[in-house]
Protein backbone atom coordinates (compact mmCIF):
# COMPACT_ATOMS: atom_id res chain seq x y z
CA MET A 1 -0.03 0.00 0.04
CA ILE A 2 1.07 3.61 -0.65
CA THR A 3 0.50 5.79 2.41
CA LEU A 4 0.54 9.57 2.00
CA ILE A 5 1.18 11.66 5.11
CA THR A 6 0.77 15.43 4.78
CA GLY A 7 0.92 18.48 7.10
CA THR A 8 2.29 21.98 7.18
CA PRO A 9 5.89 22.52 8.33
CA GLY A 10 6.12 21.82 12.02
CA ALA A 11 2.80 20.04 12.24
CA GLY A 12 4.44 16.79 13.24
CA LYS A 13 4.00 14.57 10.18
CA THR A 14 7.51 13.11 10.37
CA LEU A 15 7.12 12.63 14.13
CA TYR A 16 3.81 10.79 13.55
CA THR A 17 5.46 8.53 10.95
CA ILE A 18 8.22 7.57 13.31
CA ALA A 19 6.02 7.10 16.43
CA GLU A 20 2.90 5.54 14.89
CA GLU A 21 3.70 4.02 11.46
CA LEU A 22 7.29 2.60 11.52
CA PRO A 23 6.61 0.34 14.59
CA LYS A 24 4.15 -1.56 12.36
CA PHE A 25 7.05 -2.72 10.13
CA SER A 26 9.67 -3.64 12.73
CA GLU A 27 10.13 -7.15 11.24
CA ARG A 28 10.65 -6.00 7.67
CA PRO A 29 13.54 -4.40 5.77
CA LEU A 30 13.29 -0.64 6.23
CA PHE A 31 14.70 1.90 3.77
CA VAL A 32 14.46 5.60 4.70
CA ASP A 33 15.31 8.75 2.79
CA GLY A 34 15.08 12.33 4.03
CA ILE A 35 15.00 11.74 7.83
CA PRO A 36 18.43 12.69 9.29
CA ASP A 37 19.93 10.90 12.30
CA LEU A 38 17.12 8.34 12.53
CA ALA A 39 17.83 6.17 15.62
CA ILE A 40 15.54 3.28 14.43
CA GLU A 41 17.29 0.47 12.67
CA HIS A 42 17.10 1.08 8.95
CA GLN A 43 19.02 1.39 5.73
CA GLN A 44 19.71 4.32 3.45
CA PHE A 45 18.62 4.18 -0.16
CA PRO A 46 21.45 2.40 -2.03
CA ASP A 47 20.46 4.24 -5.18
CA THR A 48 18.02 6.90 -6.33
CA LEU A 49 14.28 6.90 -5.81
CA ASP A 50 13.71 6.81 -9.58
CA ASN A 51 14.90 3.25 -9.79
CA TRP A 52 13.63 1.93 -6.41
CA HIS A 53 12.04 -0.99 -8.19
CA GLU A 54 15.44 -2.30 -9.22
CA TRP A 55 17.10 -2.39 -5.77
CA ALA A 56 14.20 -2.73 -3.23
CA PRO A 57 13.91 -6.39 -1.99
CA ASP A 58 10.62 -8.18 -1.68
CA GLY A 59 8.66 -7.24 1.48
CA ALA A 60 10.61 -3.97 2.00
CA VAL A 61 9.18 -0.75 3.43
CA LEU A 62 10.27 2.51 1.79
CA VAL A 63 9.85 5.84 3.63
CA ILE A 64 10.47 9.05 1.70
CA ASP A 65 10.29 12.39 3.55
CA GLU A 66 9.80 15.59 1.49
CA VAL A 67 9.01 13.39 -1.60
CA GLN A 68 8.18 16.46 -3.62
CA ARG A 69 11.96 16.83 -4.12
CA THR A 70 11.86 13.90 -6.61
CA TRP A 71 8.25 13.29 -7.59
CA ARG A 72 7.13 16.78 -8.32
CA PRO A 73 4.07 17.53 -10.51
CA ARG A 74 4.71 17.26 -14.26
CA ALA A 75 2.92 17.96 -17.50
CA ALA A 76 0.21 15.45 -18.41
CA SER A 77 1.81 15.01 -21.84
CA SER A 78 5.28 14.16 -20.44
CA THR A 79 6.60 10.61 -20.08
CA VAL A 80 5.88 8.84 -16.86
CA PRO A 81 9.22 8.28 -14.94
CA PRO A 82 10.11 4.57 -14.44
CA GLY A 83 10.03 4.87 -10.65
CA ILE A 84 6.48 6.20 -10.74
CA ALA A 85 5.35 3.70 -13.34
CA ALA A 86 6.63 0.89 -11.09
CA LEU A 87 4.27 2.03 -8.31
CA GLU A 88 1.42 0.51 -10.28
CA THR A 89 2.76 -3.01 -9.50
CA HIS A 90 4.49 -2.47 -6.16
CA ARG A 91 2.07 -4.87 -4.42
CA HIS A 92 3.39 -7.70 -6.57
CA LYS A 93 6.64 -7.63 -4.50
CA GLY A 94 4.86 -7.03 -1.17
CA ILE A 95 6.36 -3.53 -0.81
CA ASP A 96 4.81 -0.81 1.30
CA ILE A 97 5.66 2.81 0.63
CA ILE A 98 5.19 5.86 2.87
CA VAL A 99 5.53 9.24 1.23
CA ILE A 100 5.63 12.50 3.32
CA THR A 101 5.02 16.00 1.99
CA GLN A 102 3.21 19.29 2.89
CA HIS A 103 0.30 18.90 0.51
CA PRO A 104 -0.95 16.32 -2.05
CA ASN A 105 -0.74 18.80 -4.94
CA LEU A 106 3.02 19.03 -4.46
CA ILE A 107 3.62 15.53 -5.85
CA ASP A 108 3.03 13.81 -9.19
CA GLN A 109 -0.63 13.18 -10.07
CA ASN A 110 0.12 9.50 -10.84
CA VAL A 111 1.38 9.07 -7.32
CA ARG A 112 -1.72 10.69 -5.88
CA ARG A 113 -4.02 8.38 -7.81
CA LEU A 114 -2.27 5.30 -6.41
CA VAL A 115 -2.49 6.37 -2.74
CA GLY A 116 -4.55 3.89 -0.72
CA ARG A 117 -4.35 5.75 2.64
CA HIS A 118 -4.00 9.49 3.29
CA LEU A 119 -3.27 10.93 6.75
CA HIS A 120 -3.17 14.69 7.35
CA VAL A 121 -1.62 16.03 10.60
CA ARG A 122 -2.79 19.45 11.86
CA ARG A 123 -1.21 21.01 14.95
CA VAL A 124 -3.61 22.61 17.39
CA PHE A 125 -2.69 26.24 18.32
CA GLY A 126 1.01 25.42 18.50
CA TRP A 127 0.48 23.03 21.43
CA GLY A 128 1.98 19.57 21.78
CA ARG A 129 -1.14 18.00 20.28
CA ALA A 130 -2.50 17.52 16.82
CA MET A 131 -5.59 16.43 14.96
CA VAL A 132 -5.08 13.51 12.55
CA TYR A 133 -7.53 13.16 9.59
CA GLU A 134 -7.64 9.93 7.59
CA TRP A 135 -9.08 9.06 4.18
CA ASP A 136 -8.86 6.00 1.95
CA MET A 137 -7.44 8.04 -0.97
CA ALA A 138 -5.47 11.16 -1.59
CA THR A 139 -7.79 14.02 -0.70
CA ASP A 140 -7.79 17.76 -0.23
CA PRO A 141 -6.90 18.20 3.48
CA SER A 142 -9.54 20.82 3.86
CA ARG A 143 -12.27 18.23 3.47
CA VAL A 144 -12.19 17.32 7.10
CA LYS A 145 -15.97 16.50 7.25
CA THR A 146 -15.34 13.32 5.17
CA ALA A 147 -12.40 12.14 7.22
CA ILE A 148 -11.97 9.85 10.23
CA THR A 149 -10.73 12.21 12.90
CA ARG A 150 -8.82 11.54 16.09
CA GLY A 151 -6.60 13.49 18.51
CA TRP A 152 -2.95 12.73 18.90
CA SER A 153 -0.51 13.97 21.58
CA TYR A 154 3.17 14.33 20.52
CA PRO A 155 5.16 11.55 22.34
CA LYS A 156 8.21 13.16 23.99
CA LYS A 157 10.24 9.92 23.66
CA ALA A 158 9.94 10.03 19.84
CA TYR A 159 11.82 13.39 19.62
CA LYS A 160 15.05 11.56 20.50
CA LEU A 161 14.66 9.15 17.59
CA TYR A 162 15.53 11.64 14.84
CA LYS A 163 16.65 15.21 14.13
CA SER A 164 13.63 17.19 13.07
CA ALA A 165 15.24 20.52 12.11
CA THR A 166 18.55 22.36 12.32
CA VAL A 167 16.91 25.40 13.91
CA HIS A 168 13.44 25.29 15.50
CA THR A 169 11.50 28.44 14.73
CA ALA A 170 7.98 27.33 15.59
CA ARG A 171 6.17 29.24 18.26
CA GLY A 172 2.75 28.91 19.90
CA GLN A 173 -0.21 30.52 18.25
CA ARG A 174 -2.69 32.68 20.11
CA VAL A 175 -5.88 30.82 20.94
CA PRO A 176 -8.94 32.49 19.36
CA TRP A 177 -11.27 34.22 21.78
CA ALA A 178 -14.19 32.18 20.39
CA PHE A 179 -12.50 29.05 21.78
CA TRP A 180 -12.45 30.48 25.30
CA LEU A 181 -16.02 31.70 24.89
CA ALA A 182 -17.14 28.22 23.94
CA VAL A 183 -15.30 26.74 27.00
CA ALA A 184 -16.99 29.31 29.29
CA ALA A 185 -20.41 28.54 27.82
CA ILE A 186 -19.91 24.78 28.36
CA ILE A 187 -18.94 25.39 31.94
CA SER A 188 -21.75 27.80 32.72
CA VAL A 189 -24.61 25.82 31.19
CA PRO A 190 -24.96 23.34 34.08
CA PHE A 191 -24.96 26.12 36.69
CA ALA A 192 -27.49 28.15 34.76
CA GLY A 193 -29.70 25.08 34.29
CA TYR A 194 -29.58 24.17 37.93
CA TYR A 195 -30.46 27.74 38.95
CA ALA A 196 -33.42 27.87 36.51
CA TYR A 197 -34.63 24.47 37.74
CA SER A 198 -34.42 25.58 41.39
CA ARG A 199 -36.40 28.75 40.70
CA MET A 200 -39.06 26.93 38.67
CA HIS A 201 -39.33 24.17 41.29
CA SER A 202 -39.76 26.64 44.12
CA ARG A 203 -42.60 28.45 42.24
CA ILE A 204 -44.46 25.23 41.44
CA THR A 205 -44.22 23.70 44.86
CA GLY A 206 -44.51 26.96 46.76
CA GLU A 207 -41.41 26.19 48.81
CA SER A 208 -39.65 29.07 50.47
CA THR A 209 -36.71 30.53 48.68
CA ALA A 210 -35.18 32.04 51.84
CA PRO A 211 -31.43 31.66 51.95
CA LEU A 212 -29.87 28.71 53.76
CA THR A 213 -27.94 29.45 56.92
CA LYS A 214 -25.14 27.27 58.40
CA THR A 215 -24.62 27.01 62.13
CA ASN A 216 -21.55 26.12 64.14
CA ASP A 217 -22.59 22.47 64.37
CA GLY A 218 -22.27 22.04 60.57
CA GLN A 219 -26.08 21.92 59.99
CA ILE A 220 -27.84 23.88 57.23
CA HIS A 221 -31.08 25.59 58.27
CA GLN A 222 -33.82 27.10 56.17
CA PRO A 223 -36.84 29.05 57.63
CA SER A 224 -39.97 26.90 57.53
CA ALA A 225 -42.82 28.25 55.38
CA ASN A 226 -45.34 27.21 58.11
CA ALA A 227 -43.51 28.82 60.94
CA PRO A 228 -45.27 31.80 62.62
CA GLY A 229 -43.96 35.26 61.89
CA GLY A 230 -42.97 34.55 58.31
CA GLY A 231 -40.43 31.86 59.13
CA ALA A 232 -38.96 33.30 62.30
CA GLY A 233 -40.04 30.34 64.38
CA GLN A 234 -39.27 26.69 63.60
CA ARG A 235 -36.51 25.85 61.13
CA GLU A 236 -36.17 22.84 58.85
CA GLU A 237 -32.75 21.19 59.30
CA TRP A 238 -30.63 19.76 56.44
CA SER A 239 -27.26 18.11 56.66
CA VAL A 240 -24.48 18.91 54.14
CA GLU A 241 -24.24 15.14 53.26
CA GLN A 242 -27.83 15.17 52.01
CA PHE A 243 -26.87 17.38 49.11
CA ILE A 244 -23.98 15.21 47.95
CA PRO A 245 -25.08 13.17 44.89
CA ALA A 246 -24.91 9.40 45.19
CA HIS A 247 -23.65 9.39 41.61
CA PRO A 248 -21.21 12.15 40.70
CA HIS A 249 -22.68 12.71 37.20
CA PHE A 250 -26.33 12.91 38.45
CA PRO A 251 -26.89 15.80 40.91
CA GLU A 252 -30.52 14.72 41.36
CA SER A 253 -29.33 11.53 43.05
CA ALA A 254 -28.68 13.38 46.31
CA SER A 255 -30.85 12.07 49.19
CA ALA A 256 -32.25 15.59 49.78
CA TYR A 257 -34.29 15.18 46.53
CA ARG A 258 -35.54 11.64 47.30
CA THR A 259 -39.16 12.72 47.82
CA LEU A 260 -39.15 14.50 44.48
CA ARG A 261 -38.08 11.36 42.50
CA THR A 262 -40.67 8.82 41.42
CA VAL A 263 -40.00 6.02 38.97
CA VAL A 264 -42.82 5.96 36.42
CA ASN A 265 -41.28 3.93 33.61
CA MET A 266 -38.72 1.19 32.90
CA PRO A 267 -36.39 0.48 29.97
CA THR A 268 -37.74 -2.13 27.60
CA VAL A 269 -36.44 -3.16 24.16
CA ALA A 270 -38.38 -1.19 21.56
CA ALA A 271 -36.26 -1.96 18.55
CA CYS A 272 -32.92 -3.45 17.48
CA VAL A 273 -30.91 -2.34 14.45
CA SER A 274 -28.46 -4.77 13.05
CA SER A 275 -25.83 -4.21 10.35
CA ARG A 276 -22.83 -6.16 9.05
CA THR A 277 -20.42 -4.56 11.56
CA LYS A 278 -22.56 -3.92 14.70
CA CYS A 279 -25.94 -4.23 16.38
CA GLN A 280 -27.65 -1.79 18.72
CA CYS A 281 -30.94 -1.97 20.65
CA TYR A 282 -33.02 1.03 21.73
CA THR A 283 -35.71 1.81 24.28
CA GLU A 284 -39.04 3.54 23.60
CA GLN A 285 -37.33 6.82 24.50
CA GLY A 286 -34.58 6.31 21.86
CA THR A 287 -31.83 5.62 24.43
CA ARG A 288 -29.30 2.86 23.84
CA LEU A 289 -29.39 -0.43 25.74
CA LEU A 290 -26.29 -2.35 26.73
CA ILE A 291 -27.01 -5.79 25.26
CA ASP A 292 -24.74 -8.55 24.13
CA GLU A 293 -24.19 -8.43 20.37
CA HIS A 294 -25.37 -12.04 19.83
CA GLU A 295 -28.56 -11.31 21.84
CA CYS A 296 -29.07 -8.08 19.92
CA ARG A 297 -28.87 -9.77 16.52
CA ASP A 298 -31.27 -12.45 17.76
CA LEU A 299 -33.79 -9.76 18.85
CA ALA A 300 -33.41 -7.98 15.52
CA VAL A 301 -34.46 -11.15 13.63
CA ASN A 302 -36.79 -12.69 16.24
CA PRO A 303 -38.41 -9.84 18.32
CA ARG A 304 -39.99 -10.99 21.59
CA PHE A 305 -43.58 -10.49 22.79
CA ASP A 306 -43.87 -7.48 25.08
CA PRO A 307 -46.39 -8.16 27.85
CA TYR A 308 -46.04 -4.62 29.23
CA HIS A 309 -47.34 -2.91 26.12
CA VAL A 310 -51.03 -2.03 26.12
CA HIS A 311 -52.63 -2.89 22.77
CA PRO A 312 -54.56 0.00 21.15
CA SER A 313 -57.79 -2.06 20.90
CA ARG A 314 -57.70 -2.64 24.63
CA GLU A 315 -57.35 1.04 25.28
CA VAL A 316 -60.43 1.73 23.09
CA ALA A 317 -62.40 -0.97 24.88
CA ASP A 318 -61.59 0.48 28.27
CA LYS A 319 -62.83 3.89 27.10
CA LYS A 320 -66.07 2.37 25.83
CA GLU A 321 -66.77 0.44 29.06
CA SER A 322 -66.36 3.52 31.22
CA PRO A 323 -69.51 5.40 30.04
CA LYS A 324 -71.56 2.23 30.08
CA SER A 325 -71.04 1.82 33.78
CA GLU A 326 -72.30 5.34 34.26
CA ASP A 327 -75.40 4.61 32.12
CA LYS A 328 -76.33 1.58 34.27
CA SER A 329 -76.30 3.64 37.39
CA ALA A 330 -78.53 6.17 35.62
CA GLU A 331 -81.06 3.48 34.65
CA LYS A 332 -81.83 2.51 38.28
CA PRO A 333 -85.54 3.00 39.09
CA PRO A 334 -86.28 6.26 40.93
CA ILE A 335 -87.14 6.14 44.64
CA HIS A 336 -90.82 7.05 45.33
CA VAL A 337 -91.67 8.60 48.69
CA ALA A 338 -95.30 8.41 49.86
CA VAL A 339 -96.48 11.27 52.06
CA GLN A 340 -99.64 10.92 54.22
CA PRO A 341 -101.52 14.20 54.35
CA PRO A 342 -102.65 15.43 57.81
CA ASP A 343 -106.26 14.98 58.85
CA ASP A 344 -106.84 18.61 59.76
CA LEU A 345 -106.44 20.02 56.23
CA PRO A 346 -109.16 22.62 55.54
CA GLN A 347 -112.05 21.41 53.40
CA ILE A 348 -112.52 23.20 50.06
């Protein structure tokens, strides 16, 4: 396979090649060109890159840094160099080739068309970290939406394995203000949501919003809404531990809110989606269920009967039965009361 690794100067493309790619070929003959003082066991090119197909042994791995020095773009009408033409059959000899450059457009178009894996390394704000984008063909690095993306931290140990530059001139870039604004927004959202929830809950339940006070014994007190004198009498006591969540990611799990939590539903398998590579089951609320893949695929093909689901026809029947019971009570015979007139009514 031909692997293309690109990145602007100082992005870490050579460092990535040494730290992440070369260890994959530790058991094979390694030939390297363009990486000075490489401490990994390797051999220099015995001849030029143009005739690599004549000297490279079967199963070899060729690594060429700054490949644009040799395989630069050429006119479409010009003759294809022998070394580039030999790339079309490099798999016949079991050879893997890694070429490194700043941008795909800096190398010959025939080489780009034969690339089976493209990695682009982009440094983040001059920090010791980069984003790595991967495609299955040579692609414009700006098309990040179509790439497989992952973060990568520069390994300090790998710096000792080669000489990256005679003079290092890279310096950190200023982080855009929009980045810090986004961080501040992410941090403030939970606090704003909790404050809004507390205000709404106090209005709905009518609970007192008087501030909590802490005494010397470590207890938190809040004036009771039923106390005489507007809360100046009895106080409702709360311990600090009651406001500590049982689960750190769920603040509502604190024991102080126990009376406010009522379980009204349970997770049941609503549907399972199976593909060639994975299988996933979902609840009626659309949340994912952690189910063994074998069980998931079985449910996708043979769904089970759900005894907890109310059939629509049953709901209609219940609604029809309800008014009938009212009609039966209305059909009961009326109660007649006989009244005996008194004997001393005046005669007419």
